[in-house]
Each structure stands twice: as structure tokens, then as C-alpha cells.
């Protein structure tokens, strides 16, 4: 059974995608208006002008004509979003949308797609916006779904104990991946916080998780403990199975055909885990690993991780070594936050 996701996945039309983008933003605002404000400021790299939080002031100078006792203000703003699945909107059509802006507003125009306009096209759009008095002081941003995911992930990392924010981040990233709205890397590392199961994970070169939990596709699994990914391995198989001493191993589902060697290893791992107090007899998925290697991929920022963290190794390493041991060694040179 798949984990319930708050974003609708059964249609890929632009209207549905736009609806889910707005749902993400409105959910972010409902969790905390400050998070929403920080998110918009983050993707626009503007730390001052965009505001949704009222400012409360007293004794405000009334343009030289006395002082106002109490003054509450929210800056007026408007964001217009044009959504494309993979392509780019015609520039002339995009510029027409600016007619909805009002003179007194802080104006943001977002073009959202899986690809960005080239630098020459952005210069052309910005030139037209400056030349037209009706579109004066409009700030244009060409954004990808990856940009939204990265900014939401950064926000979640900044507030590691805000569970609703973390869940929103996980659901939105899962939605974008399932709808093929962002490029898929062949070198995704899923780092899992292991804690007390660390020795079992290391001994049997596996990881167990609730079968009901959803997750994005990944190629490598990392065993994380005490602010570092200590071991990594390639995914050999993903097996959903139940175990009982009477019936033995009951395989419910598997990514690949389960070999006898994998069955024997999994049975031994489950028995040992049960002996150590882990109730994994039912409702669990087991990630079986191969080419298991020691590494030391250190988290340098304060605090731990909230269960899971994904890394696109193509954006971290200069090149991806063909030898997996060399890849594990290379990660020791890098840190993350």
C-alpha cells in the first residue's frame, strides 16, 4: 500500500500541476506565514522587498505633520505564475500576463517549467518589461520544479523539528518526481538515519523500513549515524516480506527476482533483528545492498537528520568514479549541511 500523498498524482495536465504548486504554497503559508515569506525570498534571492507579515510600529513620523500613535502595514504584492510542463511559453504571450499587475504592487512574474529560458531570452524579456511603462518594476524569474524542490528542502533543513514542513517537503518532491517534472539522476544517494540499528545494518548490509512509506527512486543507500554517512552500498534488491517461525519467509513483493542467497541472508537478518528488539516480522520493506563500502560523508551543520536525506552525487562529485570503492573514498573529501 502506497503512502497517502497530499498532491494529486493521477493527471499531468498543466492545470493540475499549477493547482498542486498553489497547494504547496498555500500549505506552506498555513504551516507558518514566515516560512512562506522565506520561501519566496529564497527563490527570488530578495531578502527585503517581499513581505506577508504585518509590521507593527508606534510613533511613526507622518511626513513632518506630527506622529502616528499606531501603524500596521502589509506591503501589497502580486505573483503571477505561468506553468509549462517541459516547454517554454512564447515570450509575447508571457508578457501579456503582466496586464494584471497594479501600479502600487510589488510585482513578481514567474515562469515555471522543467527547463529555463536562456540568458539571451531572459535579457529580452527584462528589456521589454523595462521599456513598457505598464510593466515597469516587474521582476521576472525563470524557475524550474527543481528550484522549488531545492528551496523547500533548504527551508525544511533550517527547521528540522517542524514535522509538517518536513512532510510537505517530502510529498512535494515525491510528486514532482512521479510526474517526471525534474531530471532523474543515475547517482542518487538515500542516506538513512540508523541510530540503534546501525550495527545490524552494517552486519547484514541491509536496511529495513515500513512498507507503507513512499520514497523517491535512488541508486545507493547510505547508513547514517552521528552526523556522518558511515557506509554506502548499491541497491541489490528491495523486498517486502513477512516472517514467522511457523510459516517462514513470505515474500509479498520484490523489485527483482529474489535469489536463494538473498532469502537466506534476509532470514538471518530478520531473526537477529527480532532478537535485538526490532519488531519487523510484518509490514516492512528490506533494502538489500551490495558492494558495501565504508565512507565518512560528514554533516557539518548542527543537529542530525530527520530520518532521510537525498543527495544527487552528480552535483557533489566532479566526476562519478566507475569503481564503487573509489566513489566511497571520494565522498570523504566532501561535507554537507
C-alpha atoms as a PDB file:
ATOM      1  CA  UNK A   1       0.000   0.000   0.000  1.00  0.00           C
ATOM      2  CA  UNK A   2       1.431   3.391  -1.021  1.00  0.00           C
ATOM      3  CA  UNK A   3       1.718   6.225   1.470  1.00  0.00           C
ATOM      4  CA  UNK A   4      -1.003   8.839   1.013  1.00  0.00           C
ATOM      5  CA  UNK A   5       0.341  11.950  -0.714  1.00  0.00           C
ATOM      6  CA  UNK A   6      -1.481  15.262  -0.398  1.00  0.00           C
ATOM      7  CA  UNK A   7      -0.737  16.114  -4.042  1.00  0.00           C
ATOM      8  CA  UNK A   8      -2.926  14.606  -6.776  1.00  0.00           C
ATOM      9  CA  UNK A   9      -0.819  12.296  -8.979  1.00  0.00           C
ATOM     10  CA  UNK A  10      -3.326  10.943 -11.450  1.00  0.00           C
ATOM     11  CA  UNK A  11      -3.235  13.708 -14.023  1.00  0.00           C
ATOM     12  CA  UNK A  12      -0.342  15.553 -15.622  1.00  0.00           C
ATOM     13  CA  UNK A  13      -2.145  18.462 -17.264  1.00  0.00           C
ATOM     14  CA  UNK A  14      -0.759  21.938 -16.699  1.00  0.00           C
ATOM     15  CA  UNK A  15      -3.880  22.943 -14.754  1.00  0.00           C
ATOM     16  CA  UNK A  16      -3.358  20.077 -12.307  1.00  0.00           C
ATOM     17  CA  UNK A  17       0.340  20.891 -11.908  1.00  0.00           C
ATOM     18  CA  UNK A  18      -0.458  24.563 -11.301  1.00  0.00           C
ATOM     19  CA  UNK A  19      -3.096  23.557  -8.748  1.00  0.00           C
ATOM     20  CA  UNK A  20      -0.549  21.435  -6.871  1.00  0.00           C
ATOM     21  CA  UNK A  21       2.058  24.216  -6.935  1.00  0.00           C
ATOM     22  CA  UNK A  22      -0.501  26.583  -5.411  1.00  0.00           C
ATOM     23  CA  UNK A  23      -1.498  23.877  -2.915  1.00  0.00           C
ATOM     24  CA  UNK A  24       2.137  23.550  -1.839  1.00  0.00           C
ATOM     25  CA  UNK A  25       2.477  27.319  -1.394  1.00  0.00           C
ATOM     26  CA  UNK A  26      -0.822  27.680   0.466  1.00  0.00           C
ATOM     27  CA  UNK A  27       0.082  24.719   2.725  1.00  0.00           C
ATOM     28  CA  UNK A  28       3.417  26.362   3.431  1.00  0.00           C
ATOM     29  CA  UNK A  29       1.607  29.569   4.411  1.00  0.00           C
ATOM     30  CA  UNK A  30      -0.814  27.662   6.660  1.00  0.00           C
ATOM     31  CA  UNK A  31       2.043  25.952   8.494  1.00  0.00           C
ATOM     32  CA  UNK A  32       3.656  29.327   9.135  1.00  0.00           C
ATOM     33  CA  UNK A  33       3.394  32.570   7.099  1.00  0.00           C
ATOM     34  CA  UNK A  34       7.052  33.217   7.910  1.00  0.00           C
ATOM     35  CA  UNK A  35       8.069  30.009   6.113  1.00  0.00           C
ATOM     36  CA  UNK A  36       6.128  31.089   3.032  1.00  0.00           C
ATOM     37  CA  UNK A  37       7.792  34.500   3.099  1.00  0.00           C
ATOM     38  CA  UNK A  38      11.239  32.928   3.457  1.00  0.00           C
ATOM     39  CA  UNK A  39      10.493  30.545   0.587  1.00  0.00           C
ATOM     40  CA  UNK A  40       9.581  33.345  -1.847  1.00  0.00           C
ATOM     41  CA  UNK A  41      12.541  35.410  -0.736  1.00  0.00           C
ATOM     42  CA  UNK A  42      14.774  32.405  -1.236  1.00  0.00           C
ATOM     43  CA  UNK A  43      13.769  31.600  -4.820  1.00  0.00           C
ATOM     44  CA  UNK A  44      13.934  35.294  -5.787  1.00  0.00           C
ATOM     45  CA  UNK A  45      17.140  35.927  -3.797  1.00  0.00           C
ATOM     46  CA  UNK A  46      15.453  39.039  -2.428  1.00  0.00           C
ATOM     47  CA  UNK A  47      15.731  39.328   1.341  1.00  0.00           C
ATOM     48  CA  UNK A  48      13.953  42.655   1.852  1.00  0.00           C
ATOM     49  CA  UNK A  49      11.128  43.568  -0.508  1.00  0.00           C
ATOM     50  CA  UNK A  50       8.668  40.660  -0.402  1.00  0.00           C
ATOM     51  CA  UNK A  51       6.596  40.680   2.787  1.00  0.00           C
ATOM     52  CA  UNK A  52       3.453  38.942   4.014  1.00  0.00           C
ATOM     53  CA  UNK A  53       3.961  39.556   7.735  1.00  0.00           C
ATOM     54  CA  UNK A  54       2.443  42.800   9.087  1.00  0.00           C
ATOM     55  CA  UNK A  55       4.812  45.350  10.599  1.00  0.00           C
ATOM     56  CA  UNK A  56       3.604  46.872  13.890  1.00  0.00           C
ATOM     57  CA  UNK A  57       5.007  50.308  14.687  1.00  0.00           C
ATOM     58  CA  UNK A  58       4.246  53.197  17.011  1.00  0.00           C
ATOM     59  CA  UNK A  59       5.073  56.882  16.914  1.00  0.00           C
ATOM     60  CA  UNK A  60       5.589  56.906  13.135  1.00  0.00           C
ATOM     61  CA  UNK A  61       6.528  60.234  11.573  1.00  0.00           C
ATOM     62  CA  UNK A  62       3.563  61.494   9.499  1.00  0.00           C
ATOM     63  CA  UNK A  63       5.690  63.124   6.766  1.00  0.00           C
ATOM     64  CA  UNK A  64       6.568  66.014   9.040  1.00  0.00           C
ATOM     65  CA  UNK A  65       2.990  66.583  10.193  1.00  0.00           C
ATOM     66  CA  UNK A  66       3.027  65.056  13.645  1.00  0.00           C
ATOM     67  CA  UNK A  67       3.393  61.425  14.725  1.00  0.00           C
ATOM     68  CA  UNK A  68       1.021  58.499  14.268  1.00  0.00           C
ATOM     69  CA  UNK A  69       0.446  56.586  17.509  1.00  0.00           C
ATOM     70  CA  UNK A  70      -0.092  53.150  15.966  1.00  0.00           C
ATOM     71  CA  UNK A  71       0.806  51.995  12.472  1.00  0.00           C
ATOM     72  CA  UNK A  72       0.200  48.492  10.999  1.00  0.00           C
ATOM     73  CA  UNK A  73       1.255  47.802   7.433  1.00  0.00           C
ATOM     74  CA  UNK A  74       1.471  44.926   4.938  1.00  0.00           C
ATOM     75  CA  UNK A  75       3.126  45.668   1.626  1.00  0.00           C
ATOM     76  CA  UNK A  76       0.927  44.988  -1.386  1.00  0.00           C
ATOM     77  CA  UNK A  77       2.317  42.374  -3.755  1.00  0.00           C
ATOM     78  CA  UNK A  78       1.249  40.072  -6.562  1.00  0.00           C
ATOM     79  CA  UNK A  79       2.841  36.937  -8.036  1.00  0.00           C
ATOM     80  CA  UNK A  80       1.802  35.737 -11.488  1.00  0.00           C
ATOM     81  CA  UNK A  81       2.814  32.183 -12.404  1.00  0.00           C
ATOM     82  CA  UNK A  82       2.868  30.735 -15.905  1.00  0.00           C
ATOM     83  CA  UNK A  83       3.243  26.939 -15.791  1.00  0.00           C
ATOM     84  CA  UNK A  84       4.540  24.699 -18.552  1.00  0.00           C
ATOM     85  CA  UNK A  85       5.303  21.014 -18.140  1.00  0.00           C
ATOM     86  CA  UNK A  86       8.531  20.898 -20.141  1.00  0.00           C
ATOM     87  CA  UNK A  87       8.489  23.683 -22.719  1.00  0.00           C
ATOM     88  CA  UNK A  88       8.792  27.465 -22.691  1.00  0.00           C
ATOM     89  CA  UNK A  89       5.975  29.941 -23.182  1.00  0.00           C
ATOM     90  CA  UNK A  90       6.106  32.279 -26.193  1.00  0.00           C
ATOM     91  CA  UNK A  91       7.661  35.499 -24.901  1.00  0.00           C
ATOM     92  CA  UNK A  92       4.949  37.739 -26.398  1.00  0.00           C
ATOM     93  CA  UNK A  93       2.240  35.687 -24.706  1.00  0.00           C
ATOM     94  CA  UNK A  94       4.155  35.696 -21.421  1.00  0.00           C
ATOM     95  CA  UNK A  95       4.413  39.487 -21.471  1.00  0.00           C
ATOM     96  CA  UNK A  96       0.628  39.824 -21.906  1.00  0.00           C
ATOM     97  CA  UNK A  97       0.085  38.363 -18.442  1.00  0.00           C
ATOM     98  CA  UNK A  98       1.656  41.480 -16.911  1.00  0.00           C
ATOM     99  CA  UNK A  99      -1.553  43.424 -17.656  1.00  0.00           C
ATOM    100  CA  UNK A 100      -2.955  42.074 -14.388  1.00  0.00           C
ATOM    101  CA  UNK A 101      -0.393  43.916 -12.260  1.00  0.00           C
ATOM    102  CA  UNK A 102      -1.303  47.143 -10.448  1.00  0.00           C
ATOM    103  CA  UNK A 103       0.980  50.148 -10.244  1.00  0.00           C
ATOM    104  CA  UNK A 104       1.339  50.187  -6.448  1.00  0.00           C
ATOM    105  CA  UNK A 105       2.211  46.468  -6.074  1.00  0.00           C
ATOM    106  CA  UNK A 106       5.497  44.640  -5.620  1.00  0.00           C
ATOM    107  CA  UNK A 107       5.307  42.604  -8.833  1.00  0.00           C
ATOM    108  CA  UNK A 108       6.788  39.129  -9.459  1.00  0.00           C
ATOM    109  CA  UNK A 109       6.410  37.194 -12.714  1.00  0.00           C
ATOM    110  CA  UNK A 110       7.358  33.502 -12.530  1.00  0.00           C
ATOM    111  CA  UNK A 111       7.762  31.183 -15.499  1.00  0.00           C
ATOM    112  CA  UNK A 112       7.778  27.614 -14.201  1.00  0.00           C
ATOM    113  CA  UNK A 113       8.868  24.608 -16.262  1.00  0.00           C
ATOM    114  CA  UNK A 114      11.334  21.721 -16.244  1.00  0.00           C
ATOM    115  CA  UNK A 115      13.684  23.946 -18.275  1.00  0.00           C
ATOM    116  CA  UNK A 116      14.741  27.577 -18.101  1.00  0.00           C
ATOM    117  CA  UNK A 117      14.918  30.340 -20.653  1.00  0.00           C
ATOM    118  CA  UNK A 118      18.411  31.004 -21.961  1.00  0.00           C
ATOM    119  CA  UNK A 119      20.281  34.108 -20.790  1.00  0.00           C
ATOM    120  CA  UNK A 120      19.585  35.905 -24.095  1.00  0.00           C
ATOM    121  CA  UNK A 121      15.856  35.221 -23.778  1.00  0.00           C
ATOM    122  CA  UNK A 122      15.812  36.445 -20.179  1.00  0.00           C
ATOM    123  CA  UNK A 123      17.559  39.643 -21.250  1.00  0.00           C
ATOM    124  CA  UNK A 124      14.947  40.107 -23.985  1.00  0.00           C
ATOM    125  CA  UNK A 125      12.060  39.627 -21.516  1.00  0.00           C
ATOM    126  CA  UNK A 126      13.608  42.022 -18.975  1.00  0.00           C
ATOM    127  CA  UNK A 127      14.229  44.597 -21.742  1.00  0.00           C
ATOM    128  CA  UNK A 128      10.562  44.525 -22.790  1.00  0.00           C
ATOM    129  CA  UNK A 129       9.441  44.856 -19.171  1.00  0.00           C
ATOM    130  CA  UNK A 130      11.614  47.950 -18.665  1.00  0.00           C
ATOM    131  CA  UNK A 131      10.583  49.601 -21.935  1.00  0.00           C
ATOM    132  CA  UNK A 132       6.852  49.300 -21.291  1.00  0.00           C
ATOM    133  CA  UNK A 133       5.599  51.791 -18.693  1.00  0.00           C
ATOM    134  CA  UNK A 134       2.712  49.450 -17.820  1.00  0.00           C
ATOM    135  CA  UNK A 135       5.197  46.729 -16.867  1.00  0.00           C
ATOM    136  CA  UNK A 136       7.673  48.924 -15.016  1.00  0.00           C
ATOM    137  CA  UNK A 137       9.281  47.434 -11.888  1.00  0.00           C
ATOM    138  CA  UNK A 138       8.252  43.863 -12.645  1.00  0.00           C
ATOM    139  CA  UNK A 139      10.765  41.266 -11.529  1.00  0.00           C
ATOM    140  CA  UNK A 140      10.945  38.221 -13.788  1.00  0.00           C
ATOM    141  CA  UNK A 141      12.204  34.763 -12.749  1.00  0.00           C
ATOM    142  CA  UNK A 142      12.618  31.687 -14.918  1.00  0.00           C
ATOM    143  CA  UNK A 143      12.243  28.788 -12.471  1.00  0.00           C
ATOM    144  CA  UNK A 144      12.307  25.006 -12.663  1.00  0.00           C
ATOM    145  CA  UNK A 145      10.489  22.486 -10.498  1.00  0.00           C
ATOM    146  CA  UNK A 146      13.932  21.545  -9.206  1.00  0.00           C
ATOM    147  CA  UNK A 147      14.359  25.145  -7.971  1.00  0.00           C
ATOM    148  CA  UNK A 148      11.147  24.852  -5.947  1.00  0.00           C
ATOM    149  CA  UNK A 149      12.193  21.493  -4.520  1.00  0.00           C
ATOM    150  CA  UNK A 150      15.663  22.740  -3.585  1.00  0.00           C
ATOM    151  CA  UNK A 151      14.290  25.829  -1.848  1.00  0.00           C
ATOM    152  CA  UNK A 152      11.627  23.868   0.046  1.00  0.00           C
ATOM    153  CA  UNK A 153      14.258  21.312   1.086  1.00  0.00           C
ATOM    154  CA  UNK A 154      16.545  24.118   2.302  1.00  0.00           C
ATOM    155  CA  UNK A 155      13.674  25.551   4.338  1.00  0.00           C
ATOM    156  CA  UNK A 156      12.915  22.136   5.857  1.00  0.00           C
ATOM    157  CA  UNK A 157      16.590  21.704   6.735  1.00  0.00           C
ATOM    158  CA  UNK A 158      16.514  25.054   8.545  1.00  0.00           C
ATOM    159  CA  UNK A 159      13.574  23.917  10.692  1.00  0.00           C
ATOM    160  CA  UNK A 160      14.371  20.222  11.364  1.00  0.00           C
ATOM    161  CA  UNK A 161      11.751  19.854  14.123  1.00  0.00           C
ATOM    162  CA  UNK A 162       8.848  21.267  12.099  1.00  0.00           C
ATOM    163  CA  UNK A 163       7.299  17.927  11.118  1.00  0.00           C
ATOM    164  CA  UNK A 164       4.505  19.364   8.947  1.00  0.00           C
ATOM    165  CA  UNK A 165       7.070  21.302   6.927  1.00  0.00           C
ATOM    166  CA  UNK A 166       9.261  18.221   6.511  1.00  0.00           C
ATOM    167  CA  UNK A 167       6.286  16.138   5.384  1.00  0.00           C
ATOM    168  CA  UNK A 168       5.287  18.846   2.886  1.00  0.00           C
ATOM    169  CA  UNK A 169       8.841  18.801   1.518  1.00  0.00           C
ATOM    170  CA  UNK A 170       8.820  15.007   1.129  1.00  0.00           C
ATOM    171  CA  UNK A 171       5.367  14.919  -0.504  1.00  0.00           C
ATOM    172  CA  UNK A 172       6.107  17.728  -2.946  1.00  0.00           C
ATOM    173  CA  UNK A 173       9.412  16.210  -4.058  1.00  0.00           C
ATOM    174  CA  UNK A 174       7.754  12.805  -4.455  1.00  0.00           C
ATOM    175  CA  UNK A 175       5.001  14.404  -6.546  1.00  0.00           C
ATOM    176  CA  UNK A 176       7.440  16.194  -8.885  1.00  0.00           C
ATOM    177  CA  UNK A 177       9.448  13.014  -9.355  1.00  0.00           C
ATOM    178  CA  UNK A 178       6.389  10.862 -10.033  1.00  0.00           C
ATOM    179  CA  UNK A 179       5.178  13.363 -12.656  1.00  0.00           C
ATOM    180  CA  UNK A 180       8.634  13.456 -14.349  1.00  0.00           C
ATOM    181  CA  UNK A 181       8.879  17.194 -13.761  1.00  0.00           C
ATOM    182  CA  UNK A 182      12.583  17.101 -12.999  1.00  0.00           C
ATOM    183  CA  UNK A 183      15.576  15.269 -14.442  1.00  0.00           C
ATOM    184  CA  UNK A 184      16.344  11.898 -12.893  1.00  0.00           C
ATOM    185  CA  UNK A 185      19.909  11.328 -11.830  1.00  0.00           C
ATOM    186  CA  UNK A 186      21.502   7.889 -12.122  1.00  0.00           C
ATOM    187  CA  UNK A 187      23.504   8.580  -8.967  1.00  0.00           C
ATOM    188  CA  UNK A 188      21.061   9.358  -6.134  1.00  0.00           C
ATOM    189  CA  UNK A 189      22.178   8.509  -2.594  1.00  0.00           C
ATOM    190  CA  UNK A 190      19.484   7.971   0.035  1.00  0.00           C
ATOM    191  CA  UNK A 191      21.027   8.485   3.473  1.00  0.00           C
ATOM    192  CA  UNK A 192      19.026   6.860   6.284  1.00  0.00           C
ATOM    193  CA  UNK A 193      19.364   7.644   9.979  1.00  0.00           C
ATOM    194  CA  UNK A 194      20.042   4.306  11.660  1.00  0.00           C
ATOM    195  CA  UNK A 195      20.791   5.014  15.315  1.00  0.00           C
ATOM    196  CA  UNK A 196      20.380   1.833  17.394  1.00  0.00           C
ATOM    197  CA  UNK A 197      20.016  -0.404  14.316  1.00  0.00           C
ATOM    198  CA  UNK A 198      23.415   0.706  12.985  1.00  0.00           C
ATOM    199  CA  UNK A 199      25.314  -2.486  13.890  1.00  0.00           C
ATOM    200  CA  UNK A 200      22.607  -4.681  12.348  1.00  0.00           C
ATOM    201  CA  UNK A 201      22.538  -2.573   9.186  1.00  0.00           C
ATOM    202  CA  UNK A 202      26.306  -2.822   8.922  1.00  0.00           C
ATOM    203  CA  UNK A 203      26.480  -6.547   9.747  1.00  0.00           C
ATOM    204  CA  UNK A 204      23.860  -7.660   7.216  1.00  0.00           C
ATOM    205  CA  UNK A 205      24.371  -4.852   4.701  1.00  0.00           C
ATOM    206  CA  UNK A 206      20.663  -4.046   4.610  1.00  0.00           C
ATOM    207  CA  UNK A 207      18.134  -1.500   5.817  1.00  0.00           C
ATOM    208  CA  UNK A 208      14.512  -2.023   6.885  1.00  0.00           C
ATOM    209  CA  UNK A 209      11.670   0.478   6.697  1.00  0.00           C
ATOM    210  CA  UNK A 210       7.875   0.436   6.876  1.00  0.00           C
ATOM    211  CA  UNK A 211       6.422  -0.887   3.629  1.00  0.00           C
ATOM    212  CA  UNK A 212       3.712   1.792   3.787  1.00  0.00           C
ATOM    213  CA  UNK A 213       6.235   4.595   3.393  1.00  0.00           C
ATOM    214  CA  UNK A 214       6.730   6.078  -0.035  1.00  0.00           C
ATOM    215  CA  UNK A 215      10.116   7.132  -1.357  1.00  0.00           C
ATOM    216  CA  UNK A 216      11.721   8.522  -4.477  1.00  0.00           C
ATOM    217  CA  UNK A 217      13.915   6.376  -6.712  1.00  0.00           C
ATOM    218  CA  UNK A 218      17.559   6.077  -5.676  1.00  0.00           C
ATOM    219  CA  UNK A 219      20.631   4.055  -6.621  1.00  0.00           C
ATOM    220  CA  UNK A 220      22.693   3.943  -3.438  1.00  0.00           C
ATOM    221  CA  UNK A 221      21.744   3.692   0.225  1.00  0.00           C
ATOM    222  CA  UNK A 222      23.809   5.317   2.956  1.00  0.00           C
ATOM    223  CA  UNK A 223      23.966   4.239   6.600  1.00  0.00           C
ATOM    224  CA  UNK A 224      23.971   7.447   8.657  1.00  0.00           C
ATOM    225  CA  UNK A 225      24.950   7.782  12.322  1.00  0.00           C
ATOM    226  CA  UNK A 226      26.403  10.591  14.451  1.00  0.00           C
ATOM    227  CA  UNK A 227      26.474  13.314  11.815  1.00  0.00           C
ATOM    228  CA  UNK A 228      28.021  11.229   9.048  1.00  0.00           C
ATOM    229  CA  UNK A 229      27.125   8.716   6.346  1.00  0.00           C
ATOM    230  CA  UNK A 230      29.361   5.859   7.530  1.00  0.00           C
ATOM    231  CA  UNK A 231      28.665   3.191   4.875  1.00  0.00           C
ATOM    232  CA  UNK A 232      27.143   3.116   1.410  1.00  0.00           C
ATOM    233  CA  UNK A 233      26.026   0.305  -0.832  1.00  0.00           C
ATOM    234  CA  UNK A 234      24.360  -0.271  -4.181  1.00  0.00           C
ATOM    235  CA  UNK A 235      20.762  -1.461  -4.215  1.00  0.00           C
ATOM    236  CA  UNK A 236      20.779  -5.195  -4.920  1.00  0.00           C
ATOM    237  CA  UNK A 237      17.075  -5.751  -4.243  1.00  0.00           C
ATOM    238  CA  UNK A 238      14.059  -4.261  -2.476  1.00  0.00           C
ATOM    239  CA  UNK A 239      11.947  -6.923  -0.805  1.00  0.00           C
ATOM    240  CA  UNK A 240       8.650  -6.577   1.025  1.00  0.00           C
ATOM    241  CA  UNK A 241       8.261  -9.655   3.192  1.00  0.00           C
ATOM    242  CA  UNK A 242       6.750 -11.066   6.389  1.00  0.00           C
ATOM    243  CA  UNK A 243       8.352 -13.630   8.656  1.00  0.00           C
ATOM    244  CA  UNK A 244       7.086 -16.148  11.195  1.00  0.00           C
ATOM    245  CA  UNK A 245       8.761 -19.130  12.798  1.00  0.00           C
ATOM    246  CA  UNK A 246       5.841 -21.314  11.695  1.00  0.00           C
ATOM    247  CA  UNK A 247       5.497 -20.241   8.044  1.00  0.00           C
ATOM    248  CA  UNK A 248       8.986 -18.907   7.396  1.00  0.00           C
ATOM    249  CA  UNK A 249       9.622 -16.089   4.936  1.00  0.00           C
ATOM    250  CA  UNK A 250       6.638 -14.849   2.933  1.00  0.00           C
ATOM    251  CA  UNK A 251       7.742 -12.597   0.081  1.00  0.00           C
ATOM    252  CA  UNK A 252       4.940 -10.157  -0.771  1.00  0.00           C
ATOM    253  CA  UNK A 253       6.710  -8.073  -3.392  1.00  0.00           C
ATOM    254  CA  UNK A 254      10.216  -7.513  -4.751  1.00  0.00           C
ATOM    255  CA  UNK A 255      11.888  -5.197  -7.237  1.00  0.00           C
ATOM    256  CA  UNK A 256      13.903  -8.050  -8.746  1.00  0.00           C
ATOM    257  CA  UNK A 257      13.724 -11.830  -8.573  1.00  0.00           C
ATOM    258  CA  UNK A 258      14.746 -12.938  -5.093  1.00  0.00           C
ATOM    259  CA  UNK A 259      17.657 -15.378  -5.073  1.00  0.00           C
ATOM    260  CA  UNK A 260      18.126 -18.165  -2.543  1.00  0.00           C
ATOM    261  CA  UNK A 261      21.195 -16.380  -1.217  1.00  0.00           C
ATOM    262  CA  UNK A 262      19.155 -13.224  -0.608  1.00  0.00           C
ATOM    263  CA  UNK A 263      16.435 -15.250   1.137  1.00  0.00           C
ATOM    264  CA  UNK A 264      18.975 -16.880   3.469  1.00  0.00           C
ATOM    265  CA  UNK A 265      20.622 -13.538   4.265  1.00  0.00           C
ATOM    266  CA  UNK A 266      17.274 -11.836   4.890  1.00  0.00           C
ATOM    267  CA  UNK A 267      16.003 -14.611   7.182  1.00  0.00           C
ATOM    268  CA  UNK A 268      19.179 -14.436   9.249  1.00  0.00           C
ATOM    269  CA  UNK A 269      18.976 -10.623   9.388  1.00  0.00           C
ATOM    270  CA  UNK A 270      15.306 -10.652  10.461  1.00  0.00           C
ATOM    271  CA  UNK A 271      15.937 -13.246  13.193  1.00  0.00           C
ATOM    272  CA  UNK A 272      18.866 -11.279  14.581  1.00  0.00           C
ATOM    273  CA  UNK A 273      16.858  -8.026  14.439  1.00  0.00           C
ATOM    274  CA  UNK A 274      13.953  -9.623  16.302  1.00  0.00           C
ATOM    275  CA  UNK A 275      16.380 -10.919  18.917  1.00  0.00           C
ATOM    276  CA  UNK A 276      17.602  -7.338  19.383  1.00  0.00           C
ATOM    277  CA  UNK A 277      14.101  -5.948  19.896  1.00  0.00           C
ATOM    278  CA  UNK A 278      13.143  -4.809  16.401  1.00  0.00           C
ATOM    279  CA  UNK A 279       9.590  -5.878  15.570  1.00  0.00           C
ATOM    280  CA  UNK A 280       9.990  -6.286  11.817  1.00  0.00           C
ATOM    281  CA  UNK A 281       8.034  -9.527  11.322  1.00  0.00           C
ATOM    282  CA  UNK A 282       5.313  -7.807   9.289  1.00  0.00           C
ATOM    283  CA  UNK A 283       4.738  -4.704   7.175  1.00  0.00           C
ATOM    284  CA  UNK A 284       8.354  -3.960   6.305  1.00  0.00           C
ATOM    285  CA  UNK A 285      10.422  -3.434   3.187  1.00  0.00           C
ATOM    286  CA  UNK A 286      14.039  -4.577   3.173  1.00  0.00           C
ATOM    287  CA  UNK A 287      16.728  -2.904   1.088  1.00  0.00           C
ATOM    288  CA  UNK A 288      19.425  -5.472   0.304  1.00  0.00           C
ATOM    289  CA  UNK A 289      22.797  -3.939  -0.531  1.00  0.00           C
ATOM    290  CA  UNK A 290      25.880  -5.000  -2.470  1.00  0.00           C
ATOM    291  CA  UNK A 291      29.382  -3.548  -2.922  1.00  0.00           C
ATOM    292  CA  UNK A 292      29.098  -2.321   0.673  1.00  0.00           C
ATOM    293  CA  UNK A 293      31.838   0.247   1.379  1.00  0.00           C
ATOM    294  CA  UNK A 294      32.933   2.330   4.358  1.00  0.00           C
ATOM    295  CA  UNK A 295      32.965   6.101   3.906  1.00  0.00           C
ATOM    296  CA  UNK A 296      32.757   9.274   6.002  1.00  0.00           C
ATOM    297  CA  UNK A 297      30.439  11.793   4.340  1.00  0.00           C
ATOM    298  CA  UNK A 298      30.162  14.344   7.172  1.00  0.00           C
ATOM    299  CA  UNK A 299      27.272  16.659   8.039  1.00  0.00           C
ATOM    300  CA  UNK A 300      28.938  19.865   9.242  1.00  0.00           C
ATOM    301  CA  UNK A 301      25.830  21.822  10.303  1.00  0.00           C
ATOM    302  CA  UNK A 302      24.314  21.462  13.804  1.00  0.00           C
ATOM    303  CA  UNK A 303      21.784  18.727  14.545  1.00  0.00           C
ATOM    304  CA  UNK A 304      21.054  15.388  12.938  1.00  0.00           C
ATOM    305  CA  UNK A 305      18.746  14.475  10.065  1.00  0.00           C
ATOM    306  CA  UNK A 306      15.037  13.740  10.159  1.00  0.00           C
ATOM    307  CA  UNK A 307      15.045  10.082   9.108  1.00  0.00           C
ATOM    308  CA  UNK A 308      16.183  10.515   5.494  1.00  0.00           C
ATOM    309  CA  UNK A 309      18.190  12.790   3.213  1.00  0.00           C
ATOM    310  CA  UNK A 310      18.706  12.507  -0.542  1.00  0.00           C
ATOM    311  CA  UNK A 311      21.858  13.538  -2.430  1.00  0.00           C
ATOM    312  CA  UNK A 312      22.407  13.821  -6.168  1.00  0.00           C
ATOM    313  CA  UNK A 313      26.050  12.734  -6.317  1.00  0.00           C
ATOM    314  CA  UNK A 314      26.408  14.217  -9.801  1.00  0.00           C
ATOM    315  CA  UNK A 315      26.046  17.671  -8.229  1.00  0.00           C
ATOM    316  CA  UNK A 316      28.571  16.887  -5.470  1.00  0.00           C
ATOM    317  CA  UNK A 317      31.394  14.955  -7.127  1.00  0.00           C
ATOM    318  CA  UNK A 318      33.277  16.421 -10.081  1.00  0.00           C
ATOM    319  CA  UNK A 319      33.026  13.050 -11.830  1.00  0.00           C
ATOM    320  CA  UNK A 320      31.373   9.795 -10.811  1.00  0.00           C
ATOM    321  CA  UNK A 321      34.080   7.116 -10.448  1.00  0.00           C
ATOM    322  CA  UNK A 322      33.312   3.816 -12.161  1.00  0.00           C
ATOM    323  CA  UNK A 323      34.864   1.947  -9.244  1.00  0.00           C
ATOM    324  CA  UNK A 324      32.417   2.000  -6.306  1.00  0.00           C
ATOM    325  CA  UNK A 325      35.148   1.832  -3.663  1.00  0.00           C
ATOM    326  CA  UNK A 326      36.707   4.905  -5.242  1.00  0.00           C
ATOM    327  CA  UNK A 327      33.303   6.642  -5.080  1.00  0.00           C
ATOM    328  CA  UNK A 328      33.049   5.878  -1.360  1.00  0.00           C
ATOM    329  CA  UNK A 329      36.571   7.212  -0.825  1.00  0.00           C
ATOM    330  CA  UNK A 330      35.796  10.369  -2.822  1.00  0.00           C
ATOM    331  CA  UNK A 331      32.848  11.232  -0.560  1.00  0.00           C
ATOM    332  CA  UNK A 332      35.237  11.537   2.400  1.00  0.00           C
ATOM    333  CA  UNK A 333      36.545  14.774   0.859  1.00  0.00           C
ATOM    334  CA  UNK A 334      33.134  16.459   0.986  1.00  0.00           C
ATOM    335  CA  UNK A 335      30.785  17.752   3.673  1.00  0.00           C
ATOM    336  CA  UNK A 336      27.110  18.745   3.667  1.00  0.00           C
ATOM    337  CA  UNK A 337      24.647  20.711   5.772  1.00  0.00           C
END
